[in-house]
């Protein structure tokens, strides 16, 4: 079955899928050089209050979009629901990860495969070099090439294989959206977001990717962040909070943000996507329209400020210096419309 044309059964607890349209994004970040706005990043932002209501929004939070790797925590919950055998917290964090390819990431992915009695060549994610630039450079210096294990989604794929083997499902086509595993994951995404899936396509790693809305994705993040311990949602949230470098990498901004904000659950995704949620249910979702990663964190910091997170804690994430002649001459920061608490 083609992933781009696959249809998925409606989930009984999900609402209608989001509308497929060109998103009405708005300016969310300015690149300021020498006192002038040199560049503008458009996007959409949603901030949810603890009761789930929309406290702040900018742009188009209801249009269908692809969350990319920000969807992984939801897929990880789906894997537990589908029968993923017990794993320790480090391994569960890697299941929800876009890892940097550091040795602890690779070793943990190998452990998941070993539980299944499977080998790396049974993974169906694309071979790649490690995501972290320094790790990638060292990898190349050692004469190593792209591998499936080094690719940043290998933890999720290893867990998909382990779940499929545990359930007695086919292994060779576990990425087909018609496969029972992917049907289970789609149902989990629909349940957690509270909405149907608008489209199915192929993510960069080769796995099915489900289109939801930014509002729905953020609602799902809040569900994970507030879940009771021992539930599938609570297990994934706990693992991600306890092992943020396993979810990303030792030098990544998401890991630093989780360490800086007590109890925060956070996951980034390619094309400028970010979700973050606090234990009381306050949550934010960010999509940068042009996919620019440089705008993702300053906009996320501005959104978290609407949740009442200490501005002093957020300061290291709120702006990126703009350099001229080797010295700062400006900054990339969220627009005034986002930073004004009265907005």
Protein backbone atom coordinates (compact mmCIF):
# COMPACT_ATOMS: atom_id res chain seq x y z
CA UNK A 1 0.00 0.00 0.00
CA UNK A 2 1.34 3.44 -0.88
CA UNK A 3 2.05 5.57 2.18
CA UNK A 4 1.01 8.77 0.43
CA UNK A 5 -2.42 7.39 -0.41
CA UNK A 6 -3.04 5.15 2.59
CA UNK A 7 -6.35 5.39 4.39
CA UNK A 8 -6.64 4.74 8.10
CA UNK A 9 -9.67 3.56 10.03
CA UNK A 10 -11.25 6.27 12.19
CA UNK A 11 -10.52 5.97 15.89
CA UNK A 12 -13.57 5.87 18.10
CA UNK A 13 -12.36 8.62 20.45
CA UNK A 14 -11.01 10.98 17.80
CA UNK A 15 -12.76 13.95 16.29
CA UNK A 16 -12.70 15.04 12.69
CA UNK A 17 -9.29 15.36 11.02
CA UNK A 18 -7.86 18.88 10.68
CA UNK A 19 -8.51 20.83 7.50
CA UNK A 20 -5.95 20.47 4.72
CA UNK A 21 -5.12 24.00 3.55
CA UNK A 22 -2.21 26.37 3.13
CA UNK A 23 -1.49 27.45 6.72
CA UNK A 24 -2.01 31.15 7.46
CA UNK A 25 1.32 31.64 9.23
CA UNK A 26 2.32 35.01 10.72
CA UNK A 27 5.67 36.62 11.62
CA UNK A 28 7.00 34.93 14.77
CA UNK A 29 10.74 35.78 14.76
CA UNK A 30 12.88 38.68 13.58
CA UNK A 31 16.52 38.65 12.59
CA UNK A 32 17.75 42.05 13.74
CA UNK A 33 21.10 43.38 12.53
CA UNK A 34 22.29 46.82 13.55
CA UNK A 35 18.84 47.86 14.71
CA UNK A 36 17.08 46.86 11.49
CA UNK A 37 14.92 43.81 10.81
CA UNK A 38 17.03 41.92 8.27
CA UNK A 39 14.93 38.78 8.10
CA UNK A 40 11.52 37.49 9.17
CA UNK A 41 10.52 33.94 10.03
CA UNK A 42 6.82 33.16 9.79
CA UNK A 43 5.12 30.40 11.72
CA UNK A 44 2.37 29.42 14.12
CA UNK A 45 2.32 29.12 17.90
CA UNK A 46 -0.18 27.78 20.42
CA UNK A 47 -0.07 27.99 24.22
CA UNK A 48 -2.46 25.84 26.24
CA UNK A 49 -3.52 26.62 29.80
CA UNK A 50 -3.57 23.90 32.44
CA UNK A 51 -7.25 23.24 31.76
CA UNK A 52 -6.53 22.66 28.06
CA UNK A 53 -7.98 25.93 26.82
CA UNK A 54 -6.05 28.06 24.33
CA UNK A 55 -4.34 30.83 26.27
CA UNK A 56 -2.45 32.30 23.32
CA UNK A 57 -2.25 31.61 19.62
CA UNK A 58 -0.58 33.11 16.59
CA UNK A 59 -0.89 31.99 13.01
CA UNK A 60 -2.83 28.87 12.03
CA UNK A 61 -2.99 26.25 14.76
CA UNK A 62 -5.79 24.19 13.20
CA UNK A 63 -4.45 23.46 9.69
CA UNK A 64 -3.13 19.98 9.01
CA UNK A 65 0.66 19.74 9.12
CA UNK A 66 3.37 17.12 9.54
CA UNK A 67 4.92 17.14 13.04
CA UNK A 68 7.98 15.23 11.84
CA UNK A 69 9.96 13.86 14.81
CA UNK A 70 7.86 15.80 17.33
CA UNK A 71 5.39 12.95 16.75
CA UNK A 72 7.76 10.37 18.24
CA UNK A 73 6.55 10.57 21.86
CA UNK A 74 3.04 9.76 20.61
CA UNK A 75 4.35 6.88 18.51
CA UNK A 76 6.28 5.63 21.55
CA UNK A 77 3.03 5.54 23.54
CA UNK A 78 1.47 3.69 20.63
CA UNK A 79 4.25 1.10 20.72
CA UNK A 80 3.60 0.43 24.41
CA UNK A 81 -0.11 0.08 23.70
CA UNK A 82 0.69 -2.29 20.85
CA UNK A 83 2.71 -4.60 23.09
CA UNK A 84 6.29 -3.29 23.26
CA UNK A 85 7.93 -5.47 25.94
CA UNK A 86 9.26 -3.85 29.13
CA UNK A 87 12.32 -1.66 28.57
CA UNK A 88 14.30 0.46 31.02
CA UNK A 89 13.88 4.24 31.03
CA UNK A 90 16.99 4.90 28.93
CA UNK A 91 15.73 2.60 26.21
CA UNK A 92 12.21 4.08 26.34
CA UNK A 93 13.72 7.56 25.98
CA UNK A 94 15.57 6.39 22.87
CA UNK A 95 12.32 5.03 21.42
CA UNK A 96 11.03 8.64 21.45
CA UNK A 97 14.35 10.11 20.31
CA UNK A 98 15.92 11.92 17.41
CA UNK A 99 19.35 11.03 18.71
CA UNK A 100 22.71 12.53 17.85
CA UNK A 101 24.46 9.24 17.10
CA UNK A 102 26.66 9.24 20.21
CA UNK A 103 27.86 5.90 21.51
CA UNK A 104 25.24 5.66 24.31
CA UNK A 105 22.54 6.07 21.64
CA UNK A 106 24.01 3.36 19.45
CA UNK A 107 24.56 1.00 22.37
CA UNK A 108 20.97 1.42 23.55
CA UNK A 109 19.56 0.80 20.06
CA UNK A 110 21.66 -2.38 19.92
CA UNK A 111 20.19 -3.46 23.27
CA UNK A 112 16.63 -3.05 21.97
CA UNK A 113 17.47 -5.12 18.90
CA UNK A 114 19.13 -7.76 21.09
CA UNK A 115 15.94 -8.14 23.15
CA UNK A 116 14.18 -8.96 19.88
CA UNK A 117 16.96 -11.29 18.75
CA UNK A 118 17.40 -9.15 15.64
CA UNK A 119 20.31 -7.56 13.78
CA UNK A 120 20.92 -4.05 12.53
CA UNK A 121 20.38 -5.07 8.91
CA UNK A 122 16.74 -5.84 9.72
CA UNK A 123 16.08 -2.15 10.41
CA UNK A 124 14.35 -0.40 7.52
CA UNK A 125 15.25 3.20 8.34
CA UNK A 126 17.63 4.83 5.87
CA UNK A 127 21.39 4.58 6.51
CA UNK A 128 22.88 7.89 7.62
CA UNK A 129 25.80 9.48 9.41
CA UNK A 130 25.41 10.64 13.03
CA UNK A 131 23.34 13.82 13.41
CA UNK A 132 25.72 15.64 15.77
CA UNK A 133 28.37 17.50 13.71
CA UNK A 134 31.28 16.66 16.02
CA UNK A 135 30.27 13.01 16.25
CA UNK A 136 29.79 12.90 12.50
CA UNK A 137 33.24 14.38 11.86
CA UNK A 138 34.86 11.83 14.16
CA UNK A 139 32.85 9.07 12.47
CA UNK A 140 34.23 10.15 9.08
CA UNK A 141 37.79 10.43 10.43
CA UNK A 142 37.48 6.79 11.49
CA UNK A 143 36.56 5.87 7.94
CA UNK A 144 32.99 4.94 8.81
CA UNK A 145 30.09 5.43 6.44
CA UNK A 146 26.32 5.77 6.84
CA UNK A 147 24.58 3.06 8.85
CA UNK A 148 21.01 2.38 9.90
CA UNK A 149 22.02 2.36 13.56
CA UNK A 150 23.62 5.83 13.35
CA UNK A 151 20.52 7.36 11.75
CA UNK A 152 18.70 9.48 14.32
CA UNK A 153 15.47 7.41 14.28
CA UNK A 154 17.06 4.01 14.92
CA UNK A 155 15.65 3.74 18.45
CA UNK A 156 12.09 4.07 17.19
CA UNK A 157 12.70 1.57 14.40
CA UNK A 158 14.32 -0.95 16.74
CA UNK A 159 11.27 -0.69 19.02
CA UNK A 160 8.94 -1.12 16.05
CA UNK A 161 10.73 -4.35 15.14
CA UNK A 162 10.66 -5.58 18.75
CA UNK A 163 6.93 -4.88 19.00
CA UNK A 164 6.21 -6.59 15.69
CA UNK A 165 8.20 -9.66 16.70
CA UNK A 166 6.47 -9.81 20.08
CA UNK A 167 3.05 -9.70 18.43
CA UNK A 168 3.98 -12.21 15.76
CA UNK A 169 3.58 -9.67 12.97
CA UNK A 170 5.60 -9.52 9.75
CA UNK A 171 9.00 -7.88 10.07
CA UNK A 172 10.02 -7.15 6.50
CA UNK A 173 7.25 -4.62 5.80
CA UNK A 174 6.74 -3.10 9.25
CA UNK A 175 6.84 0.40 7.68
CA UNK A 176 3.85 -0.19 5.42
CA UNK A 177 0.95 1.96 6.73
CA UNK A 178 -1.33 -1.04 6.24
CA UNK A 179 0.80 -3.15 8.59
CA UNK A 180 -0.94 -3.93 11.92
CA UNK A 181 1.82 -2.11 13.79
CA UNK A 182 1.33 1.13 11.87
CA UNK A 183 -2.44 0.85 12.25
CA UNK A 184 -1.92 0.66 16.03
CA UNK A 185 0.36 3.70 15.98
CA UNK A 186 -2.09 5.69 13.88
CA UNK A 187 -4.86 4.88 16.37
CA UNK A 188 -2.68 6.09 19.25
CA UNK A 189 -1.91 9.37 17.45
CA UNK A 190 -5.62 9.92 16.77
CA UNK A 191 -6.52 9.17 20.40
CA UNK A 192 -3.82 11.37 21.95
CA UNK A 193 -4.43 14.35 19.66
CA UNK A 194 -8.20 13.95 19.83
CA UNK A 195 -8.55 14.23 16.06
CA UNK A 196 -8.47 12.11 12.97
CA UNK A 197 -5.39 11.91 10.77
CA UNK A 198 -5.63 14.17 7.73
CA UNK A 199 -2.89 12.65 5.58
CA UNK A 200 -0.28 9.89 5.67
CA UNK A 201 3.10 10.27 3.99
CA UNK A 202 6.68 9.07 4.44
CA UNK A 203 9.00 10.65 7.00
CA UNK A 204 12.68 11.17 6.32
CA UNK A 205 13.58 7.87 7.98
CA UNK A 206 11.06 5.93 5.89
CA UNK A 207 8.37 5.49 8.56
CA UNK A 208 4.75 6.55 8.04
CA UNK A 209 4.13 10.15 9.07
CA UNK A 210 0.69 11.32 10.17
CA UNK A 211 -0.70 14.82 9.60
CA UNK A 212 -2.52 16.41 12.53
CA UNK A 213 -2.90 20.03 13.65
CA UNK A 214 -0.49 22.01 15.82
CA UNK A 215 -3.30 22.37 18.34
CA UNK A 216 -3.88 18.60 18.40
CA UNK A 217 -0.17 17.83 18.72
CA UNK A 218 0.17 20.25 21.64
CA UNK A 219 -2.90 18.77 23.30
CA UNK A 220 -1.22 15.36 23.06
CA UNK A 221 1.96 16.73 24.66
CA UNK A 222 -0.12 17.98 27.59
CA UNK A 223 -1.71 14.53 27.94
CA UNK A 224 1.70 12.91 28.22
CA UNK A 225 3.01 15.53 30.64
CA UNK A 226 0.06 15.13 33.03
CA UNK A 227 -0.29 11.35 32.79
CA UNK A 228 -0.31 9.25 35.92
CA UNK A 229 2.85 7.25 36.69
CA UNK A 230 2.69 3.71 35.38
CA UNK A 231 0.38 4.53 32.48
CA UNK A 232 1.82 4.20 28.98
CA UNK A 233 1.80 7.99 28.60
CA UNK A 234 3.34 8.45 32.04
CA UNK A 235 6.11 5.93 31.35
CA UNK A 236 7.18 7.72 28.18
CA UNK A 237 7.00 11.15 29.83
CA UNK A 238 9.08 9.97 32.80
CA UNK A 239 11.72 8.39 30.58
CA UNK A 240 12.04 11.52 28.44
CA UNK A 241 12.34 13.80 31.48
CA UNK A 242 14.90 11.57 33.20
CA UNK A 243 17.07 11.06 30.10
CA UNK A 244 16.90 14.19 27.92
CA UNK A 245 20.29 13.51 26.33
CA UNK A 246 19.05 10.09 25.24
CA UNK A 247 16.07 11.80 23.58
CA UNK A 248 18.39 14.20 21.72
CA UNK A 249 22.09 14.50 22.49
CA UNK A 250 24.61 15.89 24.95
CA UNK A 251 25.00 19.18 23.08
CA UNK A 252 21.41 19.73 21.94
CA UNK A 253 19.26 22.71 22.95
CA UNK A 254 16.24 20.54 23.78
CA UNK A 255 18.21 18.60 26.39
CA UNK A 256 19.45 21.85 27.92
CA UNK A 257 15.90 23.24 28.04
CA UNK A 258 14.57 20.13 29.80
CA UNK A 259 17.35 20.33 32.37
CA UNK A 260 16.67 24.05 32.92
CA UNK A 261 12.88 23.87 33.40
CA UNK A 262 11.80 21.44 36.16
CA UNK A 263 9.37 18.78 34.99
CA UNK A 264 9.40 19.87 31.35
CA UNK A 265 8.60 17.38 28.59
CA UNK A 266 9.98 18.51 25.22
CA UNK A 267 10.56 17.17 21.72
CA UNK A 268 11.74 18.86 18.56
CA UNK A 269 11.17 17.89 14.94
CA UNK A 270 12.65 18.74 11.57
CA UNK A 271 11.16 21.67 9.65
CA UNK A 272 11.02 23.88 12.72
CA UNK A 273 8.63 21.95 14.99
CA UNK A 274 8.74 21.99 18.79
CA UNK A 275 6.43 20.85 21.56
CA UNK A 276 6.94 21.37 25.28
CA UNK A 277 4.65 20.68 28.23
CA UNK A 278 4.74 21.21 31.98
CA UNK A 279 3.49 18.74 34.61
CA UNK A 280 0.32 20.77 35.27
CA UNK A 281 -0.77 20.59 31.63
CA UNK A 282 0.43 23.96 30.37
CA UNK A 283 1.89 23.29 26.96
CA UNK A 284 3.23 24.98 23.83
CA UNK A 285 3.48 24.04 20.18
CA UNK A 286 5.63 25.79 17.58
CA UNK A 287 5.91 25.44 13.82
CA UNK A 288 8.35 27.60 11.84
CA UNK A 289 6.95 27.94 8.33
CA UNK A 290 10.23 27.86 6.41
CA UNK A 291 11.59 25.03 8.54
CA UNK A 292 14.44 27.15 9.90
CA UNK A 293 15.79 25.49 13.01
CA UNK A 294 17.44 28.72 14.16
CA UNK A 295 14.05 30.29 14.93
CA UNK A 296 12.59 27.26 16.74
CA UNK A 297 14.06 27.75 20.20
CA UNK A 298 13.67 31.56 20.55
CA UNK A 299 10.00 31.22 19.60
CA UNK A 300 9.58 28.27 21.99
CA UNK A 301 11.11 30.32 24.82
CA UNK A 302 8.65 33.14 24.15
CA UNK A 303 5.77 30.66 24.19
CA UNK A 304 6.96 29.13 27.47
CA UNK A 305 7.06 32.60 29.00
CA UNK A 306 3.28 32.71 28.43
CA UNK A 307 3.13 29.58 30.60
CA UNK A 308 4.75 31.46 33.46
CA UNK A 309 8.22 29.93 33.15
CA UNK A 310 10.85 32.20 34.77
CA UNK A 311 12.25 34.59 32.11
CA UNK A 312 15.66 34.26 33.73
CA UNK A 313 15.61 30.52 33.10
CA UNK A 314 14.51 31.11 29.51
CA UNK A 315 17.04 33.87 28.77
CA UNK A 316 19.73 31.55 27.33
CA UNK A 317 17.16 30.21 24.84
CA UNK A 318 15.33 33.44 24.00
CA UNK A 319 17.77 34.96 21.50
CA UNK A 320 20.54 33.90 19.14
CA UNK A 321 23.31 36.43 18.41
CA UNK A 322 23.66 37.84 14.92
CA UNK A 323 27.37 38.18 14.16
CA UNK A 324 29.12 40.86 12.13
CA UNK A 325 32.90 41.03 11.87
CA UNK A 326 33.23 38.38 14.56
CA UNK A 327 31.17 40.28 17.14
CA UNK A 328 27.45 40.41 18.02
CA UNK A 329 25.62 43.14 16.10
CA UNK A 330 22.06 42.00 16.70
CA UNK A 331 19.95 38.98 17.55
CA UNK A 332 17.34 36.56 16.31
CA UNK A 333 14.42 36.76 18.70
CA UNK A 334 10.67 36.26 18.84
CA UNK A 335 8.52 39.10 17.57
CA UNK A 336 6.93 41.60 19.98
CA UNK A 337 3.54 40.01 19.25
CA UNK A 338 4.80 36.85 20.96
CA UNK A 339 6.82 38.39 23.77
CA UNK A 340 4.13 40.85 24.91
CA UNK A 341 2.22 39.21 27.75
CA UNK A 342 -0.76 41.36 26.90
CA UNK A 343 -0.93 39.92 23.37
